[in-house]
């Protein structure tokens, strides 16, 4: 009978050791899983930041191109207006000269 009790105690002790080992393994697995999750989150954040930088760079580049195009358009319009103003100024000078000359010649 003592042998049976010893066997039962040994089996119980072995079971407790197995349970303790299993709990430790479980804790290790959970800890490793948490580390992997944290690593995945950090990688996702890094990738998101890189994509965000790329999007911003493309948007800035596109905005600069559009601004340059508009600037060129307005520069051409300004040049056209200056040319028209110069022509009208010449016409005005000729008109004033004609009137002044006629006014002095006629008097």
PDB file of N, CA and C in Angstrom:
ATOM      1  N   UNK A   1       0.817  -1.176   0.000  1.00  0.00           N
ATOM      2  CA  UNK A   1       0.000   0.000   0.000  1.00  0.00           C
ATOM      3  C   UNK A   1       0.875   1.260   0.000  1.00  0.00           C
ATOM      4  N   UNK A   2       1.959   1.190   0.751  1.00  0.00           N
ATOM      5  CA  UNK A   2       2.864   2.320   0.806  1.00  0.00           C
ATOM      6  C   UNK A   2       3.440   2.603  -0.584  1.00  0.00           C
ATOM      7  N   UNK A   3       3.689   1.569  -1.309  1.00  0.00           N
ATOM      8  CA  UNK A   3       4.222   1.748  -2.654  1.00  0.00           C
ATOM      9  C   UNK A   3       3.221   2.473  -3.543  1.00  0.00           C
ATOM     10  N   UNK A   4       1.973   2.162  -3.410  1.00  0.00           N
ATOM     11  CA  UNK A   4       0.924   2.792  -4.196  1.00  0.00           C
ATOM     12  C   UNK A   4       0.859   4.275  -3.840  1.00  0.00           C
ATOM     13  N   UNK A   5       0.906   4.589  -2.513  1.00  0.00           N
ATOM     14  CA  UNK A   5       0.872   5.980  -2.070  1.00  0.00           C
ATOM     15  C   UNK A   5       2.099   6.735  -2.577  1.00  0.00           C
ATOM     16  N   UNK A   6       3.244   6.085  -2.533  1.00  0.00           N
ATOM     17  CA  UNK A   6       4.457   6.709  -3.043  1.00  0.00           C
ATOM     18  C   UNK A   6       4.336   6.983  -4.542  1.00  0.00           C
ATOM     19  N   UNK A   7       3.758   6.011  -5.245  1.00  0.00           N
ATOM     20  CA  UNK A   7       3.543   6.196  -6.684  1.00  0.00           C
ATOM     21  C   UNK A   7       2.587   7.355  -6.961  1.00  0.00           C
ATOM     22  N   UNK A   8       1.530   7.435  -6.160  1.00  0.00           N
ATOM     23  CA  UNK A   8       0.547   8.512  -6.321  1.00  0.00           C
ATOM     24  C   UNK A   8       1.220   9.854  -6.055  1.00  0.00           C
ATOM     25  N   UNK A   9       1.995   9.935  -4.949  1.00  0.00           N
ATOM     26  CA  UNK A   9       2.700  11.169  -4.616  1.00  0.00           C
ATOM     27  C   UNK A   9       3.688  11.544  -5.731  1.00  0.00           C
ATOM     28  N   UNK A  10       4.398  10.569  -6.216  1.00  0.00           N
ATOM     29  CA  UNK A  10       5.368  10.829  -7.288  1.00  0.00           C
ATOM     30  C   UNK A  10       4.658  11.313  -8.541  1.00  0.00           C
ATOM     31  N   UNK A  11       3.537  10.698  -8.850  1.00  0.00           N
ATOM     32  CA  UNK A  11       2.754  11.106 -10.015  1.00  0.00           C
ATOM     33  C   UNK A  11       2.210  12.515  -9.830  1.00  0.00           C
ATOM     34  N   UNK A  12       1.706  12.806  -8.597  1.00  0.00           N
ATOM     35  CA  UNK A  12       1.201  14.147  -8.318  1.00  0.00           C
ATOM     36  C   UNK A  12       2.329  15.187  -8.442  1.00  0.00           C
ATOM     37  N   UNK A  13       3.492  14.830  -7.915  1.00  0.00           N
ATOM     38  CA  UNK A  13       4.633  15.755  -7.997  1.00  0.00           C
ATOM     39  C   UNK A  13       5.043  15.964  -9.446  1.00  0.00           C
ATOM     40  N   UNK A  14       5.027  14.875 -10.199  1.00  0.00           N
ATOM     41  CA  UNK A  14       5.362  14.970 -11.612  1.00  0.00           C
ATOM     42  C   UNK A  14       4.330  15.837 -12.343  1.00  0.00           C
ATOM     43  N   UNK A  15       3.060  15.668 -11.975  1.00  0.00           N
ATOM     44  CA  UNK A  15       1.985  16.456 -12.581  1.00  0.00           C
ATOM     45  C   UNK A  15       2.173  17.934 -12.248  1.00  0.00           C
ATOM     46  N   UNK A  16       2.509  18.237 -10.994  1.00  0.00           N
ATOM     47  CA  UNK A  16       2.738  19.616 -10.588  1.00  0.00           C
ATOM     48  C   UNK A  16       3.929  20.219 -11.353  1.00  0.00           C
ATOM     49  N   UNK A  17       4.968  19.429 -11.535  1.00  0.00           N
ATOM     50  CA  UNK A  17       6.125  19.902 -12.298  1.00  0.00           C
ATOM     51  C   UNK A  17       5.735  20.182 -13.749  1.00  0.00           C
ATOM     52  N   UNK A  18       4.927  19.303 -14.301  1.00  0.00           N
ATOM     53  CA  UNK A  18       4.468  19.479 -15.679  1.00  0.00           C
ATOM     54  C   UNK A  18       3.617  20.746 -15.783  1.00  0.00           C
ATOM     55  N   UNK A  19       2.729  20.944 -14.812  1.00  0.00           N
ATOM     56  CA  UNK A  19       1.883  22.139 -14.806  1.00  0.00           C
ATOM     57  C   UNK A  19       2.734  23.392 -14.682  1.00  0.00           C
ATOM     58  N   UNK A  20       3.704  23.379 -13.761  1.00  0.00           N
ATOM     59  CA  UNK A  20       4.577  24.536 -13.570  1.00  0.00           C
ATOM     60  C   UNK A  20       5.386  24.818 -14.836  1.00  0.00           C
ATOM     61  N   UNK A  21       5.924  23.773 -15.429  1.00  0.00           N
ATOM     62  CA  UNK A  21       6.682  23.943 -16.673  1.00  0.00           C
ATOM     63  C   UNK A  21       5.773  24.491 -17.780  1.00  0.00           C
ATOM     64  N   UNK A  22       4.573  23.967 -17.842  1.00  0.00           N
ATOM     65  CA  UNK A  22       3.611  24.426 -18.853  1.00  0.00           C
ATOM     66  C   UNK A  22       3.274  25.896 -18.638  1.00  0.00           C
ATOM     67  N   UNK A  23       3.060  26.294 -17.378  1.00  0.00           N
ATOM     68  CA  UNK A  23       2.751  27.700 -17.081  1.00  0.00           C
ATOM     69  C   UNK A  23       3.926  28.603 -17.462  1.00  0.00           C
ATOM     70  N   UNK A  24       5.137  28.157 -17.182  1.00  0.00           N
ATOM     71  CA  UNK A  24       6.318  28.946 -17.552  1.00  0.00           C
ATOM     72  C   UNK A  24       6.434  29.053 -19.068  1.00  0.00           C
ATOM     73  N   UNK A  25       6.205  27.962 -19.752  1.00  0.00           N
ATOM     74  CA  UNK A  25       6.234  27.976 -21.217  1.00  0.00           C
ATOM     75  C   UNK A  25       5.150  28.905 -21.764  1.00  0.00           C
ATOM     76  N   UNK A  26       3.984  28.848 -21.161  1.00  0.00           N
ATOM     77  CA  UNK A  26       2.872  29.696 -21.573  1.00  0.00           C
ATOM     78  C   UNK A  26       3.248  31.165 -21.410  1.00  0.00           C
ATOM     79  N   UNK A  27       3.854  31.506 -20.274  1.00  0.00           N
ATOM     80  CA  UNK A  27       4.288  32.883 -20.034  1.00  0.00           C
ATOM     81  C   UNK A  27       5.330  33.302 -21.063  1.00  0.00           C
ATOM     82  N   UNK A  28       6.266  32.403 -21.378  1.00  0.00           N
ATOM     83  CA  UNK A  28       7.281  32.712 -22.387  1.00  0.00           C
ATOM     84  C   UNK A  28       6.642  32.961 -23.747  1.00  0.00           C
ATOM     85  N   UNK A  29       5.681  32.120 -24.107  1.00  0.00           N
ATOM     86  CA  UNK A  29       5.001  32.254 -25.401  1.00  0.00           C
ATOM     87  C   UNK A  29       4.245  33.578 -25.464  1.00  0.00           C
ATOM     88  N   UNK A  30       3.548  33.906 -24.380  1.00  0.00           N
ATOM     89  CA  UNK A  30       2.803  35.164 -24.339  1.00  0.00           C
ATOM     90  C   UNK A  30       3.757  36.349 -24.438  1.00  0.00           C
ATOM     91  N   UNK A  31       4.863  36.303 -23.702  1.00  0.00           N
ATOM     92  CA  UNK A  31       5.853  37.380 -23.732  1.00  0.00           C
ATOM     93  C   UNK A  31       6.436  37.533 -25.134  1.00  0.00           C
ATOM     94  N   UNK A  32       6.769  36.430 -25.767  1.00  0.00           N
ATOM     95  CA  UNK A  32       7.307  36.466 -27.127  1.00  0.00           C
ATOM     96  C   UNK A  32       6.267  37.010 -28.104  1.00  0.00           C
ATOM     97  N   UNK A  33       5.023  36.617 -27.929  1.00  0.00           N
ATOM     98  CA  UNK A  33       3.953  37.118 -28.795  1.00  0.00           C
ATOM     99  C   UNK A  33       3.798  38.633 -28.628  1.00  0.00           C
ATOM    100  N   UNK A  34       3.870  39.116 -27.397  1.00  0.00           N
ATOM    101  CA  UNK A  34       3.767  40.556 -27.150  1.00  0.00           C
ATOM    102  C   UNK A  34       4.927  41.288 -27.812  1.00  0.00           C
ATOM    103  N   UNK A  35       6.132  40.706 -27.731  1.00  0.00           N
ATOM    104  CA  UNK A  35       7.299  41.323 -28.379  1.00  0.00           C
ATOM    105  C   UNK A  35       7.089  41.384 -29.887  1.00  0.00           C
ATOM    106  N   UNK A  36       6.583  40.305 -30.459  1.00  0.00           N
ATOM    107  CA  UNK A  36       6.352  40.277 -31.903  1.00  0.00           C
ATOM    108  C   UNK A  36       5.288  41.292 -32.312  1.00  0.00           C
ATOM    109  N   UNK A  37       4.241  41.401 -31.502  1.00  0.00           N
ATOM    110  CA  UNK A  37       3.191  42.383 -31.791  1.00  0.00           C
ATOM    111  C   UNK A  37       3.783  43.795 -31.758  1.00  0.00           C
ATOM    112  N   UNK A  38       4.590  44.084 -30.741  1.00  0.00           N
ATOM    113  CA  UNK A  38       5.221  45.402 -30.624  1.00  0.00           C
ATOM    114  C   UNK A  38       6.122  45.675 -31.830  1.00  0.00           C
ATOM    115  N   UNK A  39       6.864  44.655 -32.248  1.00  0.00           N
ATOM    116  CA  UNK A  39       7.742  44.811 -33.405  1.00  0.00           C
ATOM    117  C   UNK A  39       6.925  45.080 -34.670  1.00  0.00           C
ATOM    118  N   UNK A  40       5.838  44.370 -34.840  1.00  0.00           N
ATOM    119  CA  UNK A  40       4.966  44.566 -36.003  1.00  0.00           C
ATOM    120  C   UNK A  40       4.379  45.973 -35.990  1.00  0.00           C
ATOM    121  N   UNK A  41       3.972  46.431 -34.816  1.00  0.00           N
ATOM    122  CA  UNK A  41       3.409  47.785 -34.698  1.00  0.00           C
ATOM    123  C   UNK A  41       4.461  48.823 -35.059  1.00  0.00           C
ATOM    124  N   UNK A  42       5.682  48.655 -34.552  1.00  0.00           N
ATOM    125  CA  UNK A  42       6.748  49.602 -34.857  1.00  0.00           C
ATOM    126  C   UNK A  42       7.073  49.615 -36.347  1.00  0.00           C
ATOM    127  N   UNK A  43       7.108  48.435 -36.965  1.00  0.00           N
ATOM    128  CA  UNK A  43       7.380  48.360 -38.399  1.00  0.00           C
ATOM    129  C   UNK A  43       6.264  49.032 -39.196  1.00  0.00           C
ATOM    130  N   UNK A  44       5.019  48.819 -38.755  1.00  0.00           N
ATOM    131  CA  UNK A  44       3.882  49.439 -39.435  1.00  0.00           C
ATOM    132  C   UNK A  44       3.943  50.962 -39.301  1.00  0.00           C
ATOM    133  N   UNK A  45       4.300  51.439 -38.113  1.00  0.00           N
ATOM    134  CA  UNK A  45       4.419  52.885 -37.912  1.00  0.00           C
ATOM    135  C   UNK A  45       5.530  53.461 -38.780  1.00  0.00           C
ATOM    136  N   UNK A  46       6.650  52.763 -38.849  1.00  0.00           N
ATOM    137  CA  UNK A  46       7.770  53.229 -39.671  1.00  0.00           C
ATOM    138  C   UNK A  46       7.360  53.278 -41.140  1.00  0.00           C
ATOM    139  N   UNK A  47       6.697  52.233 -41.594  1.00  0.00           N
ATOM    140  CA  UNK A  47       6.251  52.190 -42.982  1.00  0.00           C
ATOM    141  C   UNK A  47       5.252  53.307 -43.259  1.00  0.00           C
ATOM    142  N   UNK A  48       4.367  53.545 -42.319  1.00  0.00           N
ATOM    143  CA  UNK A  48       3.380  54.613 -42.465  1.00  0.00           C
ATOM    144  C   UNK A  48       4.072  55.968 -42.553  1.00  0.00           C
ATOM    145  N   UNK A  49       5.059  56.200 -41.709  1.00  0.00           N
ATOM    146  CA  UNK A  49       5.801  57.465 -41.731  1.00  0.00           C
ATOM    147  C   UNK A  49       6.527  57.639 -43.059  1.00  0.00           C
ATOM    148  N   UNK A  50       7.123  56.555 -43.566  1.00  0.00           N
ATOM    149  CA  UNK A  50       7.823  56.637 -44.852  1.00  0.00           C
ATOM    150  C   UNK A  50       6.850  56.949 -45.985  1.00  0.00           C
ATOM    151  N   UNK A  51       5.690  56.284 -45.964  1.00  0.00           N
ATOM    152  CA  UNK A  51       4.690  56.547 -46.998  1.00  0.00           C
ATOM    153  C   UNK A  51       4.176  57.976 -46.898  1.00  0.00           C
ATOM    154  N   UNK A  52       3.990  58.439 -45.664  1.00  0.00           N
ATOM    155  CA  UNK A  52       3.533  59.808 -45.446  1.00  0.00           C
ATOM    156  C   UNK A  52       4.550  60.806 -46.003  1.00  0.00           C
ATOM    157  N   UNK A  53       5.835  60.568 -45.754  1.00  0.00           N
ATOM    158  CA  UNK A  53       6.872  61.441 -46.295  1.00  0.00           C
ATOM    159  C   UNK A  53       6.828  61.442 -47.818  1.00  0.00           C
ATOM    160  N   UNK A  54       6.670  60.258 -48.396  1.00  0.00           N
ATOM    161  CA  UNK A  54       6.602  60.149 -49.849  1.00  0.00           C
ATOM    162  C   UNK A  54       5.416  60.906 -50.421  1.00  0.00           C
ATOM    163  N   UNK A  55       4.280  60.780 -49.772  1.00  0.00           N
ATOM    164  CA  UNK A  55       3.076  61.479 -50.230  1.00  0.00           C
ATOM    165  C   UNK A  55       3.283  62.986 -50.149  1.00  0.00           C
ATOM    166  N   UNK A  56       3.848  63.435 -49.033  1.00  0.00           N
ATOM    167  CA  UNK A  56       4.091  64.872 -48.857  1.00  0.00           C
ATOM    168  C   UNK A  56       5.079  65.371 -49.907  1.00  0.00           C
ATOM    169  N   UNK A  57       6.154  64.623 -50.144  1.00  0.00           N
ATOM    170  CA  UNK A  57       7.146  65.024 -51.142  1.00  0.00           C
ATOM    171  C   UNK A  57       6.520  65.116 -52.532  1.00  0.00           C
ATOM    172  N   UNK A  58       5.677  64.133 -52.872  1.00  0.00           N
ATOM    173  CA  UNK A  58       5.023  64.169 -54.184  1.00  0.00           C
ATOM    174  C   UNK A  58       4.063  65.357 -54.274  1.00  0.00           C
ATOM    175  N   UNK A  59       3.346  65.623 -53.197  1.00  0.00           N
ATOM    176  CA  UNK A  59       2.405  66.745 -53.201  1.00  0.00           C
ATOM    177  C   UNK A  59       3.151  68.074 -53.330  1.00  0.00           C
ATOM    178  N   UNK A  60       4.256  68.208 -52.606  1.00  0.00           N
ATOM    179  CA  UNK A  60       5.047  69.436 -52.685  1.00  0.00           C
ATOM    180  C   UNK A  60       5.608  69.604 -54.093  1.00  0.00           C
ATOM    181  N   UNK A  61       6.116  68.525 -54.665  1.00  0.00           N
ATOM    182  CA  UNK A  61       6.672  68.574 -56.012  1.00  0.00           C
ATOM    183  C   UNK A  61       5.595  68.970 -57.025  1.00  0.00           C
ATOM    184  N   UNK A  62       4.428  68.359 -56.899  1.00  0.00           N
ATOM    185  CA  UNK A  62       3.331  68.673 -57.813  1.00  0.00           C
ATOM    186  C   UNK A  62       2.891  70.128 -57.635  1.00  0.00           C
ATOM    187  N   UNK A  63       2.805  70.584 -56.396  1.00  0.00           N
ATOM    188  CA  UNK A  63       2.402  71.967 -56.145  1.00  0.00           C
ATOM    189  C   UNK A  63       3.437  72.938 -56.723  1.00  0.00           C
ATOM    190  N   UNK A  64       4.718  72.591 -56.599  1.00  0.00           N
ATOM    191  CA  UNK A  64       5.776  73.443 -57.148  1.00  0.00           C
ATOM    192  C   UNK A  64       5.666  73.508 -58.670  1.00  0.00           C
ATOM    193  N   UNK A  65       5.429  72.365 -59.297  1.00  0.00           N
ATOM    194  CA  UNK A  65       5.269  72.349 -60.756  1.00  0.00           C
ATOM    195  C   UNK A  65       4.092  73.216 -61.187  1.00  0.00           C
ATOM    196  N   UNK A  66       2.972  73.092 -60.460  1.00  0.00           N
ATOM    197  CA  UNK A  66       1.793  73.890 -60.799  1.00  0.00           C
ATOM    198  C   UNK A  66       2.071  75.377 -60.572  1.00  0.00           C
ATOM    199  N   UNK A  67       2.770  75.686 -59.475  1.00  0.00           N
ATOM    200  CA  UNK A  67       3.108  77.090 -59.193  1.00  0.00           C
ATOM    201  C   UNK A  67       4.038  77.639 -60.266  1.00  0.00           C
ATOM    202  N   UNK A  68       5.005  76.837 -60.692  1.00  0.00           N
ATOM    203  CA  UNK A  68       5.917  77.277 -61.753  1.00  0.00           C
ATOM    204  C   UNK A  68       5.161  77.516 -63.061  1.00  0.00           C
ATOM    205  N   UNK A  69       4.225  76.628 -63.370  1.00  0.00           N
ATOM    206  CA  UNK A  69       3.431  76.780 -64.590  1.00  0.00           C
ATOM    207  C   UNK A  69       2.590  78.057 -64.525  1.00  0.00           C
ATOM    208  N   UNK A  70       1.954  78.283 -63.374  1.00  0.00           N
ATOM    209  CA  UNK A  70       1.154  79.503 -63.213  1.00  0.00           C
ATOM    210  C   UNK A  70       2.042  80.739 -63.278  1.00  0.00           C
ATOM    211  N   UNK A  71       3.197  80.656 -62.672  1.00  0.00           N
ATOM    212  CA  UNK A  71       4.136  81.782 -62.691  1.00  0.00           C
ATOM    213  C   UNK A  71       4.543  82.108 -64.118  1.00  0.00           C
ATOM    214  N   UNK A  72       4.805  81.087 -64.909  1.00  0.00           N
ATOM    215  CA  UNK A  72       5.178  81.294 -66.308  1.00  0.00           C
ATOM    216  C   UNK A  72       4.021  81.923 -67.081  1.00  0.00           C
ATOM    217  N   UNK A  73       2.795  81.450 -66.810  1.00  0.00           N
ATOM    218  CA  UNK A  73       1.624  82.016 -67.485  1.00  0.00           C
ATOM    219  C   UNK A  73       1.479  83.497 -67.149  1.00  0.00           C
ATOM    220  N   UNK A  74       1.571  83.819 -65.877  1.00  0.00           N
ATOM    221  CA  UNK A  74       1.398  85.210 -65.467  1.00  0.00           C
ATOM    222  C   UNK A  74       2.568  86.077 -65.925  1.00  0.00           C
ATOM    223  N   UNK A  75       3.757  85.517 -65.984  1.00  0.00           N
ATOM    224  CA  UNK A  75       4.895  86.278 -66.497  1.00  0.00           C
ATOM    225  C   UNK A  75       4.649  86.639 -67.956  1.00  0.00           C
ATOM    226  N   UNK A  76       4.094  85.694 -68.728  1.00  0.00           N
ATOM    227  CA  UNK A  76       3.783  85.976 -70.137  1.00  0.00           C
ATOM    228  C   UNK A  76       2.693  87.037 -70.237  1.00  0.00           C
ATOM    229  N   UNK A  77       1.672  86.932 -69.387  1.00  0.00           N
ATOM    230  CA  UNK A  77       0.610  87.939 -69.411  1.00  0.00           C
ATOM    231  C   UNK A  77       1.166  89.308 -69.041  1.00  0.00           C
ATOM    232  N   UNK A  78       2.051  89.353 -68.068  1.00  0.00           N
ATOM    233  CA  UNK A  78       2.665  90.618 -67.659  1.00  0.00           C
ATOM    234  C   UNK A  78       3.477  91.202 -68.807  1.00  0.00           C
ATOM    235  N   UNK A  79       4.256  90.357 -69.484  1.00  0.00           N
ATOM    236  CA  UNK A  79       5.043  90.825 -70.631  1.00  0.00           C
ATOM    237  C   UNK A  79       4.127  91.364 -71.734  1.00  0.00           C
ATOM    238  N   UNK A  80       3.017  90.653 -71.993  1.00  0.00           N
ATOM    239  CA  UNK A  80       2.061  91.100 -73.005  1.00  0.00           C
ATOM    240  C   UNK A  80       1.470  92.462 -72.621  1.00  0.00           C
ATOM    241  N   UNK A  81       1.102  92.598 -71.348  1.00  0.00           N
ATOM    242  CA  UNK A  81       0.532  93.869 -70.888  1.00  0.00           C
ATOM    243  C   UNK A  81       1.563  94.996 -70.961  1.00  0.00           C
ATOM    244  N   UNK A  82       2.814  94.709 -70.635  1.00  0.00           N
ATOM    245  CA  UNK A  82       3.871  95.725 -70.740  1.00  0.00           C
ATOM    246  C   UNK A  82       4.052  96.155 -72.191  1.00  0.00           C
ATOM    247  N   UNK A  83       4.009  95.166 -73.096  1.00  0.00           N
ATOM    248  CA  UNK A  83       4.147  95.474 -74.519  1.00  0.00           C
ATOM    249  C   UNK A  83       2.984  96.347 -75.000  1.00  0.00           C
ATOM    250  N   UNK A  84       1.770  95.990 -74.598  1.00  0.00           N
ATOM    251  CA  UNK A  84       0.606  96.783 -74.978  1.00  0.00           C
ATOM    252  C   UNK A  84       0.707  98.188 -74.385  1.00  0.00           C
ATOM    253  N   UNK A  85       1.135  98.263 -73.128  1.00  0.00           N
ATOM    254  CA  UNK A  85       1.275  99.578 -72.488  1.00  0.00           C
ATOM    255  C   UNK A  85       2.336 100.413 -73.192  1.00  0.00           C
ATOM    256  N   UNK A  86       3.430  99.778 -73.593  1.00  0.00           N
ATOM    257  CA  UNK A  86       4.487 100.505 -74.311  1.00  0.00           C
ATOM    258  C   UNK A  86       3.960 101.026 -75.639  1.00  0.00           C
ATOM    259  N   UNK A  87       3.193 100.203 -76.364  1.00  0.00           N
ATOM    260  CA  UNK A  87       2.619 100.636 -77.642  1.00  0.00           C
ATOM    261  C   UNK A  87       1.664 101.814 -77.427  1.00  0.00           C
ATOM    262  N   UNK A  88       0.832 101.684 -76.419  1.00  0.00           N
ATOM    263  CA  UNK A  88      -0.129 102.758 -76.151  1.00  0.00           C
ATOM    264  C   UNK A  88       0.595 104.012 -75.692  1.00  0.00           C
ATOM    265  N   UNK A  89       1.692 103.837 -74.933  1.00  0.00           N
ATOM    266  CA  UNK A  89       2.475 104.995 -74.503  1.00  0.00           C
ATOM    267  C   UNK A  89       3.072 105.686 -75.715  1.00  0.00           C
ATOM    268  N   UNK A  90       3.584 104.908 -76.663  1.00  0.00           N
ATOM    269  CA  UNK A  90       4.133 105.486 -77.902  1.00  0.00           C
ATOM    270  C   UNK A  90       3.030 106.220 -78.677  1.00  0.00           C
ATOM    271  N   UNK A  91       1.876 105.589 -78.760  1.00  0.00           N
ATOM    272  CA  UNK A  91       0.746 106.227 -79.452  1.00  0.00           C
ATOM    273  C   UNK A  91       0.363 107.526 -78.743  1.00  0.00           C
ATOM    274  N   UNK A  92       0.361 107.486 -77.414  1.00  0.00           N
ATOM    275  CA  UNK A  92       0.012 108.686 -76.642  1.00  0.00           C
ATOM    276  C   UNK A  92       1.047 109.772 -76.853  1.00  0.00           C
ATOM    277  N   UNK A  93       2.322 109.406 -76.883  1.00  0.00           N
ATOM    278  CA  UNK A  93       3.385 110.394 -77.123  1.00  0.00           C
ATOM    279  C   UNK A  93       3.201 111.018 -78.498  1.00  0.00           C
ATOM    280  N   UNK A  94       2.943 110.212 -79.512  1.00  0.00           N
ATOM    281  CA  UNK A  94       2.728 110.737 -80.864  1.00  0.00           C
ATOM    282  C   UNK A  94       1.500 111.651 -80.897  1.00  0.00           C
ATOM    283  N   UNK A  95       0.449 111.260 -80.218  1.00  0.00           N
ATOM    284  CA  UNK A  95      -0.762 112.061 -80.193  1.00  0.00           C
ATOM    285  C   UNK A  95      -0.496 113.405 -79.519  1.00  0.00           C
ATOM    286  N   UNK A  96       0.216 113.387 -78.410  1.00  0.00           N
ATOM    287  CA  UNK A  96       0.533 114.633 -77.705  1.00  0.00           C
ATOM    288  C   UNK A  96       1.439 115.503 -78.564  1.00  0.00           C
ATOM    289  N   UNK A  97       2.432 114.890 -79.193  1.00  0.00           N
ATOM    290  CA  UNK A  97       3.333 115.671 -80.062  1.00  0.00           C
ATOM    291  C   UNK A  97       2.545 116.333 -81.189  1.00  0.00           C
ATOM    292  N   UNK A  98       1.653 115.568 -81.802  1.00  0.00           N
ATOM    293  CA  UNK A  98       0.851 116.111 -82.898  1.00  0.00           C
ATOM    294  C   UNK A  98       0.011 117.279 -82.412  1.00  0.00           C
ATOM    295  N   UNK A  99      -0.604 117.151 -81.268  1.00  0.00           N
ATOM    296  CA  UNK A  99      -1.466 118.219 -80.758  1.00  0.00           C
ATOM    297  C   UNK A  99      -0.650 119.452 -80.366  1.00  0.00           C
ATOM    298  N   UNK A 100       0.499 119.188 -79.722  1.00  0.00           N
ATOM    299  CA  UNK A 100       1.342 120.321 -79.314  1.00  0.00           C
ATOM    300  C   UNK A 100       1.912 121.010 -80.540  1.00  0.00           C
ATOM    301  N   UNK A 101       2.412 120.217 -81.481  1.00  0.00           N
ATOM    302  CA  UNK A 101       2.992 120.794 -82.700  1.00  0.00           C
ATOM    303  C   UNK A 101       1.914 121.544 -83.455  1.00  0.00           C
ATOM    304  N   UNK A 102       0.751 120.970 -83.599  1.00  0.00           N
ATOM    305  CA  UNK A 102      -0.335 121.632 -84.315  1.00  0.00           C
ATOM    306  C   UNK A 102      -0.761 122.898 -83.578  1.00  0.00           C
ATOM    307  N   UNK A 103      -0.769 122.820 -82.239  1.00  0.00           N
ATOM    308  CA  UNK A 103      -1.169 123.992 -81.461  1.00  0.00           C
ATOM    309  C   UNK A 103      -0.175 125.112 -81.649  1.00  0.00           C
ATOM    310  N   UNK A 104       1.124 124.807 -81.679  1.00  0.00           N
ATOM    311  CA  UNK A 104       2.142 125.838 -81.848  1.00  0.00           C
ATOM    312  C   UNK A 104       2.250 126.271 -83.314  1.00  0.00           C
ATOM    313  N   UNK A 105       2.091 125.335 -84.213  1.00  0.00           N
ATOM    314  CA  UNK A 105       2.186 125.657 -85.637  1.00  0.00           C
ATOM    315  C   UNK A 105       0.983 126.492 -86.059  1.00  0.00           C
ATOM    316  N   UNK A 106      -0.154 126.141 -85.548  1.00  0.00           N
ATOM    317  CA  UNK A 106      -1.372 126.854 -85.921  1.00  0.00           C
ATOM    318  C   UNK A 106      -1.430 128.235 -85.267  1.00  0.00           C
ATOM    319  N   UNK A 107      -0.685 128.460 -84.206  1.00  0.00           N
ATOM    320  CA  UNK A 107      -0.775 129.757 -83.542  1.00  0.00           C
ATOM    321  C   UNK A 107       0.166 130.772 -84.073  1.00  0.00           C
TER     322      UNK A 107
END
